[in-house]
Amino acid sequence: MPIHGAKVTRLLFRVGRTGLPPCATPAGRSAAEGKDLLFAPEGPADVAQGGSPVRPIADRVILIGVVAVLLAFAPALRAADWPVWRGPKGDGVVTDAAVPTKWSATKNVVWKVEVPGTGHSSPVVSNGRVFLTSFDSSTNDRVLLCFDRTDGKLLWKKSVLSAAAGKMHKNNTPASSTPASDGTHVWVTFLDGAKIAVACYDFAGKQTWLKTFDGFDSRHGFCGTPVLFGDLLVVNGDSDGDAFLAALDKKTGETKWKTERPNRVRSFSVPLFVEVKGKPQMVLAGSKSVAAFEPTTGKQLWVADSTTDKFVATVAFTEGLIFATGTSPNSTLVAIDPTGTGNVTKSHTKWSDTKTAAYVPSPLAFGKHLFVMSDSGVATLLEAKSGKKLWSERLGSRLHHASPLLINGLIYCIADDGSTFVVKPGDEYELVAKNALGVECHATPAVSDGQLFVRSAAHLWCLGAKRP
């Protein structure tokens, strides 16, 4: 049973076509007959549709079993936290009724604070703190920043390492990897010459360990956002050099497993954890392929060869399918059935599209829909199972590098110019709101307890209503 986050950030379990406890929230369908569900004891209730009710005893057995596990990990559960990139499930989907649909540079601004240095990493929110990485060009320091989530006060700033900015893509920075946190510790990754550095800090700003991996090579620079799976910290080391995927003991930094990536092609995607036939898979796009691994061992379960080499966007999952998209060098959007083994390129590819694709923004998958936001500002909604295009619309801003989020059933797309387009998914395109901050934004926002946390070029913003 996968647990994402340090003790428990999320608990993913599978049920068949049944009625559910009122606290169960859908997290996409499984590849078998059942559905993957997120148990959210403190969050709003979303009950899966289309199922027949189970017997009361079965409901109680499921509920008691889940509650027992949750109680064992209770100290780490905080329903309002956004502890890793794209949220607790890593899929950018959240229900939080208090999140606003309208704001400006002066309206619904709880606080706005300066961010020392530069970077494209996203904020994460954990146990009353907001963490961010940054690069100080005057000292070449790669730094971890800790802010108070209530008022934005900078609590501490720690230099993880110092290294000159190397070669990289014009849209990359030395601080593009987003931190991960479990409520007591926070993990970051940076590039130190040809070494990937992974570091762990406690909430007081004390470094507890630092580990490096040699052999990184990429003319586009580095972005290897870490993710948590139980007590494991997973790091993607795709590069043109000694490419690898590794899991470390989050407490000590000890390498638990390390899997070589034979194609050795730079990629920057973040792994996504899903459940298939009752077992967890860690799915990663990159290095000329889309592949799934056992999270606890690193064993490759299946691989689908890709027509494109490099990936930035994270995969998405709904309707029992994995969706991956990329544009370098060839545009592709592909749907893969994750129930196979070995090379599944021909046997389990359900549909593909060479005209609808994105490079940096990750797709959104929810219910029966797949949403793709292209880097050039074209938004497209598709039927996930068939790939049928429902609509495609060019938004008002030309460049998009942040990934879209689904909040309360509405799609939030933040453009590089700081404009956020709030779109209602349906058979026809419907713009709900357009909100302008008037500043450059490249990072994907975080959502926590009715508030949005947005990183702009020079500031960190908290948008929404003030908390009591």
Protein backbone atom coordinates (compact mmCIF):
# COMPACT_ATOMS: atom_id res chain seq x y z
CA MET A 1 0.00 0.00 0.00
CA PRO A 2 1.74 3.19 -1.10
CA ILE A 3 2.27 5.95 1.40
CA HIS A 4 3.37 9.23 -0.18
CA GLY A 5 4.97 11.68 2.15
CA ALA A 6 7.09 10.95 5.13
CA LYS A 7 5.00 9.20 7.72
CA VAL A 8 1.75 9.58 5.86
CA THR A 9 1.07 12.43 3.50
CA ARG A 10 -1.44 10.35 1.62
CA LEU A 11 -2.90 6.88 1.95
CA LEU A 12 -3.88 5.25 -1.32
CA PHE A 13 -6.09 2.17 -1.35
CA ARG A 14 -8.24 0.28 -3.79
CA VAL A 15 -11.87 -0.78 -3.61
CA GLY A 16 -14.13 -2.33 -6.21
CA ARG A 17 -17.37 -0.91 -7.52
CA THR A 18 -18.71 -0.08 -4.12
CA GLY A 19 -20.19 2.66 -2.07
CA LEU A 20 -17.59 4.49 0.00
CA PRO A 21 -17.21 6.00 3.43
CA PRO A 22 -18.17 9.69 3.27
CA CYS A 23 -14.55 10.69 3.85
CA ALA A 24 -13.20 8.96 0.75
CA THR A 25 -12.00 11.12 -2.12
CA PRO A 26 -11.34 9.82 -5.65
CA ALA A 27 -7.76 9.93 -6.87
CA GLY A 28 -8.42 8.54 -10.33
CA ARG A 29 -9.51 5.11 -11.43
CA SER A 30 -7.36 2.01 -11.08
CA ALA A 31 -6.42 -0.09 -14.06
CA ALA A 32 -8.45 -3.00 -12.72
CA GLU A 33 -12.15 -3.03 -11.90
CA GLY A 34 -11.84 -0.86 -8.84
CA LYS A 35 -10.93 2.75 -8.19
CA ASP A 36 -7.99 4.36 -6.42
CA LEU A 37 -9.19 6.48 -3.57
CA LEU A 38 -7.56 9.04 -1.36
CA PHE A 39 -8.65 8.80 2.26
CA ALA A 40 -8.80 12.38 3.50
CA PRO A 41 -10.06 12.40 7.11
CA GLU A 42 -9.94 16.19 7.46
CA GLY A 43 -10.73 17.28 3.91
CA PRO A 44 -13.97 17.88 2.03
CA ALA A 45 -15.82 14.76 0.99
CA ASP A 46 -16.02 13.65 -2.62
CA VAL A 47 -17.83 10.37 -3.15
CA ALA A 48 -17.07 8.28 -6.22
CA GLN A 49 -19.89 8.04 -8.75
CA GLY A 50 -21.41 5.09 -10.57
CA GLY A 51 -20.92 2.37 -7.95
CA SER A 52 -23.38 0.08 -6.26
CA PRO A 53 -23.52 0.13 -2.46
CA VAL A 54 -21.61 -2.54 -0.53
CA ARG A 55 -22.86 -4.30 2.53
CA PRO A 56 -22.53 -2.25 5.73
CA ILE A 57 -20.11 -4.81 7.17
CA ALA A 58 -17.75 -4.39 4.22
CA ASP A 59 -17.86 -0.62 4.64
CA ARG A 60 -16.97 -0.96 8.30
CA VAL A 61 -14.12 -3.36 7.59
CA ILE A 62 -12.62 -0.98 5.02
CA LEU A 63 -13.08 2.04 7.28
CA ILE A 64 -11.75 0.37 10.44
CA GLY A 65 -8.69 -0.95 8.63
CA VAL A 66 -7.85 2.40 7.11
CA VAL A 67 -8.46 4.30 10.35
CA ALA A 68 -6.18 1.89 12.21
CA VAL A 69 -3.33 2.59 9.80
CA LEU A 70 -3.99 6.32 9.86
CA LEU A 71 -3.95 6.42 13.65
CA ALA A 72 -0.57 4.73 13.65
CA PHE A 73 0.79 7.60 11.57
CA ALA A 74 -1.46 10.35 12.95
CA PRO A 75 1.27 12.82 14.02
CA ALA A 76 2.29 13.38 10.39
CA LEU A 77 -1.19 13.91 8.94
CA ARG A 78 -2.05 17.47 8.00
CA ALA A 79 -4.85 17.64 5.46
CA ALA A 80 -4.15 21.28 4.54
CA ASP A 81 -0.49 20.72 3.68
CA TRP A 82 0.98 20.81 0.15
CA PRO A 83 4.16 18.90 0.99
CA VAL A 84 5.50 18.01 -2.47
CA TRP A 85 5.33 19.34 -6.02
CA ARG A 86 1.73 19.37 -7.32
CA GLY A 87 0.28 18.47 -3.94
CA PRO A 88 -0.20 15.42 -1.70
CA LYS A 89 -1.06 13.06 -4.58
CA GLY A 90 1.42 14.63 -6.98
CA ASP A 91 -1.33 15.06 -9.58
CA GLY A 92 -2.30 18.74 -9.17
CA VAL A 93 -5.89 17.91 -8.16
CA VAL A 94 -7.35 19.31 -4.93
CA THR A 95 -10.67 20.11 -3.31
CA ASP A 96 -10.47 23.20 -1.10
CA ALA A 97 -13.65 25.26 -1.21
CA ALA A 98 -12.09 28.41 0.22
CA VAL A 99 -9.56 28.90 -2.61
CA PRO A 100 -10.49 32.10 -4.48
CA THR A 101 -11.23 32.29 -8.18
CA LYS A 102 -10.49 36.01 -8.35
CA TRP A 103 -7.56 38.13 -7.22
CA SER A 104 -5.15 40.84 -8.37
CA ALA A 105 -1.93 42.44 -7.21
CA THR A 106 -3.97 44.22 -4.53
CA LYS A 107 -7.14 42.11 -4.08
CA ASN A 108 -7.21 38.92 -1.98
CA VAL A 109 -3.51 39.32 -1.14
CA VAL A 110 -2.85 37.98 2.36
CA TRP A 111 0.85 38.78 2.18
CA LYS A 112 3.66 39.34 -0.31
CA VAL A 113 7.34 39.02 0.61
CA GLU A 114 10.62 39.30 -1.25
CA VAL A 115 12.44 36.10 -2.18
CA PRO A 116 16.23 36.31 -1.95
CA GLY A 117 17.85 35.15 -5.16
CA THR A 118 16.24 33.57 -8.21
CA GLY A 119 14.70 30.24 -9.17
CA HIS A 120 11.78 28.43 -10.79
CA SER A 121 11.11 25.93 -8.01
CA SER A 122 7.61 25.80 -6.57
CA PRO A 123 6.71 26.43 -2.94
CA VAL A 124 5.64 23.59 -0.66
CA VAL A 125 3.59 24.07 2.51
CA SER A 126 4.19 21.82 5.51
CA ASN A 127 3.29 22.11 9.19
CA GLY A 128 3.07 25.91 9.26
CA ARG A 129 6.08 26.50 7.03
CA VAL A 130 6.55 27.40 3.36
CA PHE A 131 9.77 26.11 1.77
CA LEU A 132 11.42 27.35 -1.40
CA THR A 133 14.81 26.94 -3.07
CA SER A 134 16.77 29.78 -4.61
CA PHE A 135 20.11 30.74 -6.18
CA ASP A 136 22.15 33.72 -5.02
CA SER A 137 24.16 34.86 -8.05
CA SER A 138 26.34 37.16 -5.94
CA THR A 139 27.71 34.26 -3.89
CA ASN A 140 26.80 31.24 -6.09
CA ASP A 141 24.98 29.80 -3.08
CA ARG A 142 22.17 27.32 -3.60
CA VAL A 143 19.86 28.08 -0.70
CA LEU A 144 16.85 26.65 1.10
CA LEU A 145 14.39 29.26 2.39
CA CYS A 146 11.86 28.76 5.17
CA PHE A 147 8.93 31.18 5.58
CA ASP A 148 6.15 31.38 8.16
CA ARG A 149 2.97 30.48 6.28
CA THR A 150 0.85 32.85 8.41
CA ASP A 151 2.63 36.13 7.65
CA GLY A 152 5.40 35.27 5.16
CA LYS A 153 8.22 36.11 7.56
CA LEU A 154 11.54 34.60 6.49
CA LEU A 155 12.41 32.29 9.39
CA TRP A 156 15.73 31.07 8.09
CA LYS A 157 17.94 30.84 5.02
CA LYS A 158 20.50 28.05 4.65
CA SER A 159 23.21 27.64 2.03
CA VAL A 160 23.15 24.01 0.92
CA LEU A 161 26.20 24.36 -1.31
CA SER A 162 28.10 26.92 -3.36
CA ALA A 163 28.82 26.33 -7.04
CA ALA A 164 28.93 28.53 -10.10
CA ALA A 165 25.94 28.34 -12.41
CA GLY A 166 26.83 25.97 -15.22
CA LYS A 167 25.40 25.62 -18.70
CA MET A 168 21.63 25.34 -18.84
CA HIS A 169 18.57 26.03 -20.94
CA LYS A 170 17.43 29.66 -21.04
CA ASN A 171 14.25 28.67 -19.18
CA ASN A 172 16.07 26.74 -16.47
CA THR A 173 17.71 28.05 -13.29
CA PRO A 174 20.17 26.65 -10.72
CA ALA A 175 17.17 26.40 -8.33
CA SER A 176 14.42 24.70 -10.32
CA SER A 177 13.89 21.58 -8.18
CA THR A 178 10.99 21.84 -5.72
CA PRO A 179 11.57 20.69 -2.10
CA ALA A 180 9.69 17.83 -0.42
CA SER A 181 8.61 17.77 3.23
CA ASP A 182 6.96 15.45 5.74
CA GLY A 183 6.07 17.92 8.48
CA THR A 184 9.33 17.54 10.43
CA HIS A 185 12.03 17.55 7.74
CA VAL A 186 12.55 18.96 4.25
CA TRP A 187 14.61 17.59 1.35
CA VAL A 188 16.21 19.47 -1.56
CA THR A 189 18.32 18.69 -4.61
CA PHE A 190 20.87 20.89 -6.37
CA LEU A 191 23.64 20.48 -8.92
CA ASP A 192 27.23 20.84 -7.75
CA GLY A 193 29.37 20.71 -10.88
CA ALA A 194 28.87 17.18 -12.20
CA LYS A 195 27.35 15.97 -8.93
CA ILE A 196 23.70 15.81 -7.89
CA ALA A 197 23.51 16.85 -4.24
CA VAL A 198 20.61 15.68 -2.07
CA ALA A 199 20.23 17.24 1.39
CA CYS A 200 17.93 16.88 4.38
CA TYR A 201 17.14 19.63 6.91
CA ASP A 202 15.02 19.71 10.03
CA PHE A 203 12.49 22.50 10.60
CA ALA A 204 15.01 24.47 12.66
CA GLY A 205 17.28 24.71 9.61
CA LYS A 206 19.86 22.14 10.74
CA GLN A 207 21.29 19.91 8.02
CA THR A 208 20.93 16.26 9.03
CA TRP A 209 22.61 14.69 5.99
CA LEU A 210 23.92 15.41 2.48
CA LYS A 211 24.63 12.86 -0.25
CA THR A 212 26.01 13.28 -3.77
CA PHE A 213 25.86 11.28 -7.01
CA ASP A 214 28.61 11.70 -9.61
CA GLY A 215 28.44 11.68 -13.38
CA PHE A 216 25.65 14.15 -14.19
CA ASP A 217 25.86 15.75 -17.64
CA SER A 218 23.26 17.98 -19.30
CA ARG A 219 23.66 21.11 -21.38
CA HIS A 220 20.13 22.07 -20.32
CA GLY A 221 21.05 22.07 -16.63
CA PHE A 222 19.42 20.22 -13.75
CA CYS A 223 15.96 19.80 -12.29
CA GLY A 224 15.41 16.64 -10.25
CA THR A 225 12.55 17.34 -7.86
CA PRO A 226 12.56 14.73 -5.05
CA VAL A 227 9.41 12.87 -3.98
CA LEU A 228 8.53 10.79 -0.93
CA PHE A 229 7.23 7.23 -0.74
CA GLY A 230 6.92 6.06 2.85
CA ASP A 231 10.42 6.25 4.31
CA LEU A 232 12.01 6.54 0.87
CA LEU A 233 13.12 9.71 -0.90
CA VAL A 234 13.13 9.14 -4.67
CA VAL A 235 15.50 11.14 -6.89
CA ASN A 236 15.43 11.25 -10.70
CA GLY A 237 18.97 11.49 -12.07
CA ASP A 238 18.20 11.33 -15.79
CA SER A 239 21.03 12.94 -17.77
CA ASP A 240 23.32 12.48 -20.76
CA GLY A 241 25.90 11.06 -18.35
CA ASP A 242 25.54 8.41 -15.65
CA ALA A 243 21.74 8.43 -15.65
CA PHE A 244 19.91 6.76 -12.77
CA LEU A 245 16.81 6.59 -10.61
CA ALA A 246 17.43 6.12 -6.89
CA ALA A 247 15.65 5.80 -3.56
CA LEU A 248 17.30 6.95 -0.33
CA ASP A 249 16.41 6.37 3.29
CA LYS A 250 14.85 9.72 4.11
CA LYS A 251 16.26 9.66 7.64
CA THR A 252 19.88 8.78 6.87
CA GLY A 253 20.45 9.33 3.14
CA GLU A 254 21.49 5.70 2.69
CA THR A 255 20.89 4.44 -0.84
CA LYS A 256 18.21 1.73 -0.70
CA TRP A 257 18.20 1.05 -4.42
CA LYS A 258 19.63 2.57 -7.58
CA THR A 259 18.47 1.72 -11.09
CA GLU A 260 20.46 2.66 -14.18
CA ARG A 261 18.70 4.44 -17.04
CA PRO A 262 20.27 2.85 -20.13
CA ASN A 263 19.26 5.46 -22.72
CA ARG A 264 21.20 8.22 -20.91
CA VAL A 265 19.17 11.20 -22.11
CA ARG A 266 18.55 14.30 -20.00
CA SER A 267 15.00 14.59 -18.71
CA PHE A 268 13.40 16.51 -15.87
CA SER A 269 10.12 14.75 -15.09
CA VAL A 270 8.87 13.97 -11.57
CA PRO A 271 7.75 10.39 -10.77
CA LEU A 272 4.04 9.77 -10.08
CA PHE A 273 2.78 7.00 -7.78
CA VAL A 274 -0.32 5.11 -8.88
CA GLU A 275 -2.00 1.84 -7.96
CA VAL A 276 -2.51 -0.85 -10.57
CA LYS A 277 -4.17 -4.17 -9.77
CA GLY A 278 -3.79 -3.48 -6.09
CA LYS A 279 -0.05 -2.78 -6.27
CA PRO A 280 1.86 0.51 -6.33
CA GLN A 281 3.73 1.66 -9.41
CA MET A 282 6.09 4.58 -9.77
CA VAL A 283 5.73 5.91 -13.30
CA LEU A 284 8.32 8.18 -14.90
CA ALA A 285 8.55 9.78 -18.34
CA GLY A 286 12.06 10.43 -19.60
CA SER A 287 15.08 9.09 -21.43
CA LYS A 288 13.23 8.16 -24.64
CA SER A 289 10.55 6.21 -22.78
CA VAL A 290 7.72 6.01 -20.27
CA ALA A 291 8.37 3.36 -17.62
CA ALA A 292 6.98 1.99 -14.36
CA PHE A 293 8.97 0.74 -11.39
CA GLU A 294 8.35 -0.97 -8.07
CA PRO A 295 8.78 1.91 -5.61
CA THR A 296 10.37 -0.22 -2.89
CA THR A 297 12.92 -2.05 -5.07
CA GLY A 298 13.43 0.02 -8.21
CA LYS A 299 12.63 -2.98 -10.41
CA GLN A 300 11.30 -1.93 -13.81
CA LEU A 301 7.83 -3.33 -14.40
CA TRP A 302 7.15 -2.14 -17.94
CA VAL A 303 8.49 0.31 -20.49
CA ALA A 304 7.02 2.01 -23.54
CA ASP A 305 9.46 3.44 -26.06
CA SER A 306 8.80 7.04 -27.05
CA THR A 307 9.13 8.95 -30.29
CA THR A 308 10.50 11.88 -28.31
CA ASP A 309 13.78 11.90 -26.37
CA LYS A 310 13.46 14.31 -23.46
CA PHE A 311 10.60 14.87 -21.03
CA VAL A 312 9.88 17.61 -18.53
CA ALA A 313 6.16 17.10 -17.86
CA THR A 314 5.09 14.58 -15.23
CA VAL A 315 2.73 11.81 -16.33
CA ALA A 316 -0.98 11.82 -15.40
CA PHE A 317 -3.37 8.98 -14.52
CA THR A 318 -7.12 8.47 -14.86
CA GLU A 319 -9.55 6.00 -16.45
CA GLY A 320 -6.96 3.27 -15.88
CA LEU A 321 -4.48 4.94 -18.26
CA ILE A 322 -1.12 6.69 -17.96
CA PHE A 323 -0.70 9.85 -20.06
CA ALA A 324 2.66 11.27 -21.08
CA THR A 325 3.52 14.25 -23.25
CA GLY A 326 6.66 15.86 -24.65
CA THR A 327 7.90 17.87 -27.62
CA SER A 328 11.66 17.39 -27.78
CA PRO A 329 12.41 16.63 -30.54
CA ASN A 330 9.01 15.25 -31.60
CA SER A 331 5.58 16.25 -30.27
CA THR A 332 3.72 13.40 -28.62
CA LEU A 333 0.79 12.76 -26.32
CA VAL A 334 0.29 9.09 -25.52
CA ALA A 335 -2.09 6.95 -23.44
CA ILE A 336 -0.69 3.72 -22.00
CA ASP A 337 -2.41 0.85 -20.22
CA PRO A 338 -0.14 0.19 -17.18
CA THR A 339 -1.19 -3.44 -16.64
CA GLY A 340 1.44 -4.96 -18.90
CA THR A 341 4.97 -6.24 -18.31
CA GLY A 342 8.18 -5.88 -20.27
CA ASN A 343 8.16 -3.71 -23.38
CA VAL A 344 4.55 -2.64 -23.91
CA THR A 345 5.09 -0.12 -26.71
CA LYS A 346 2.91 -1.96 -29.20
CA SER A 347 0.70 -4.03 -26.93
CA HIS A 348 -0.50 -1.43 -24.40
CA THR A 349 -0.45 1.94 -26.18
CA LYS A 350 -4.13 2.84 -26.41
CA TRP A 351 -3.92 6.06 -28.42
CA SER A 352 -1.47 8.78 -29.38
CA ASP A 353 -1.62 12.33 -30.72
CA THR A 354 1.20 14.25 -32.41
CA LYS A 355 -0.64 17.58 -32.61
CA THR A 356 -1.68 18.07 -28.98
CA ALA A 357 1.36 18.17 -26.70
CA ALA A 358 3.25 20.10 -24.04
CA TYR A 359 6.91 20.16 -23.04
CA VAL A 360 7.14 21.81 -19.62
CA PRO A 361 3.55 22.05 -18.23
CA SER A 362 2.33 18.71 -16.91
CA PRO A 363 -1.09 17.43 -18.01
CA LEU A 364 -4.09 17.18 -15.68
CA ALA A 365 -6.11 13.95 -15.54
CA PHE A 366 -9.41 13.88 -13.67
CA GLY A 367 -12.54 11.75 -14.04
CA LYS A 368 -13.14 11.19 -17.74
CA HIS A 369 -11.01 14.15 -18.83
CA LEU A 370 -7.43 14.92 -19.78
CA PHE A 371 -6.29 18.54 -19.94
CA VAL A 372 -3.13 19.66 -21.74
CA MET A 373 -1.68 23.17 -21.50
CA SER A 374 0.93 23.77 -24.19
CA ASP A 375 3.99 25.95 -23.62
CA SER A 376 2.66 28.35 -26.28
CA GLY A 377 -0.63 28.95 -24.45
CA VAL A 378 -3.03 26.53 -26.14
CA ALA A 379 -5.40 24.80 -23.72
CA THR A 380 -6.97 21.50 -24.82
CA LEU A 381 -9.54 19.27 -23.13
CA LEU A 382 -9.83 15.65 -24.28
CA GLU A 383 -11.73 12.52 -23.41
CA ALA A 384 -9.14 10.52 -21.53
CA LYS A 385 -10.15 7.06 -22.65
CA SER A 386 -10.44 7.78 -26.37
CA GLY A 387 -8.26 10.85 -26.92
CA LYS A 388 -11.20 12.64 -28.56
CA LYS A 389 -10.66 16.40 -28.49
CA LEU A 390 -13.54 18.29 -26.85
CA TRP A 391 -12.11 21.76 -27.39
CA SER A 392 -8.88 23.64 -27.91
CA GLU A 393 -8.47 27.33 -27.10
CA ARG A 394 -5.55 29.73 -27.17
CA LEU A 395 -5.43 31.64 -23.89
CA GLY A 396 -4.53 35.30 -23.82
CA SER A 397 -0.94 34.80 -22.68
CA ARG A 398 1.63 33.41 -25.10
CA LEU A 399 3.97 31.49 -22.77
CA HIS A 400 3.15 28.95 -20.06
CA HIS A 401 5.72 27.01 -18.02
CA ALA A 402 3.84 26.42 -14.76
CA SER A 403 1.68 23.30 -14.64
CA PRO A 404 -2.11 23.65 -14.40
CA LEU A 405 -4.02 22.67 -11.27
CA LEU A 406 -7.58 21.41 -10.81
CA ILE A 407 -9.06 23.18 -7.78
CA ASN A 408 -12.69 22.55 -6.83
CA GLY A 409 -13.40 21.26 -10.31
CA LEU A 410 -11.94 24.34 -12.04
CA ILE A 411 -8.68 24.44 -14.00
CA TYR A 412 -6.14 27.09 -12.93
CA CYS A 413 -3.47 27.95 -15.53
CA ILE A 414 -0.82 30.51 -14.59
CA ALA A 415 1.08 32.09 -17.48
CA ASP A 416 4.62 33.43 -17.55
CA ASP A 417 3.28 37.01 -17.42
CA GLY A 418 1.54 36.35 -14.09
CA SER A 419 -1.97 36.00 -15.51
CA THR A 420 -4.01 33.08 -14.19
CA PHE A 421 -6.82 31.71 -16.33
CA VAL A 422 -9.55 29.89 -14.42
CA VAL A 423 -11.38 27.57 -16.83
CA LYS A 424 -14.41 25.33 -16.33
CA PRO A 425 -13.97 21.89 -17.90
CA GLY A 426 -16.93 20.88 -20.04
CA ASP A 427 -18.01 20.14 -23.58
CA GLU A 428 -17.32 23.77 -24.49
CA TYR A 429 -14.60 26.19 -23.41
CA GLU A 430 -15.69 28.50 -20.59
CA LEU A 431 -13.44 31.10 -18.99
CA VAL A 432 -14.50 31.70 -15.38
CA ALA A 433 -11.94 34.36 -14.49
CA LYS A 434 -8.65 35.94 -15.52
CA ASN A 435 -6.46 37.27 -12.72
CA ALA A 436 -3.35 39.37 -13.32
CA LEU A 437 -0.50 39.86 -10.87
CA GLY A 438 1.48 41.84 -13.44
CA VAL A 439 4.75 40.07 -12.65
CA GLU A 440 6.69 37.20 -14.21
CA CYS A 441 5.76 33.71 -12.93
CA HIS A 442 7.29 30.37 -13.92
CA ALA A 443 6.55 28.17 -10.88
CA THR A 444 3.52 25.98 -10.24
CA PRO A 445 1.51 27.35 -7.29
CA ALA A 446 0.84 25.51 -4.02
CA VAL A 447 -2.61 25.23 -2.43
CA SER A 448 -3.14 25.04 1.31
CA ASP A 449 -6.12 25.68 3.55
CA GLY A 450 -8.00 28.00 1.22
CA GLN A 451 -4.92 29.91 0.05
CA LEU A 452 -2.71 29.93 -3.04
CA PHE A 453 1.05 30.33 -2.70
CA VAL A 454 2.55 31.79 -5.87
CA ARG A 455 6.21 32.37 -6.63
CA SER A 456 6.92 35.25 -8.99
CA ALA A 457 10.33 36.39 -10.23
CA ALA A 458 11.10 38.33 -7.05
CA HIS A 459 8.34 37.59 -4.55
CA LEU A 460 6.32 34.91 -2.79
CA TRP A 461 2.60 35.65 -2.64
CA CYS A 462 -0.12 34.27 -0.40
CA LEU A 463 -3.52 34.77 -2.07
CA GLY A 464 -6.95 34.19 -0.56
CA ALA A 465 -8.69 35.10 2.68
CA LYS A 466 -6.80 35.64 5.89
CA ARG A 467 -7.06 32.71 8.27
CA PRO A 468 -8.53 33.32 11.74
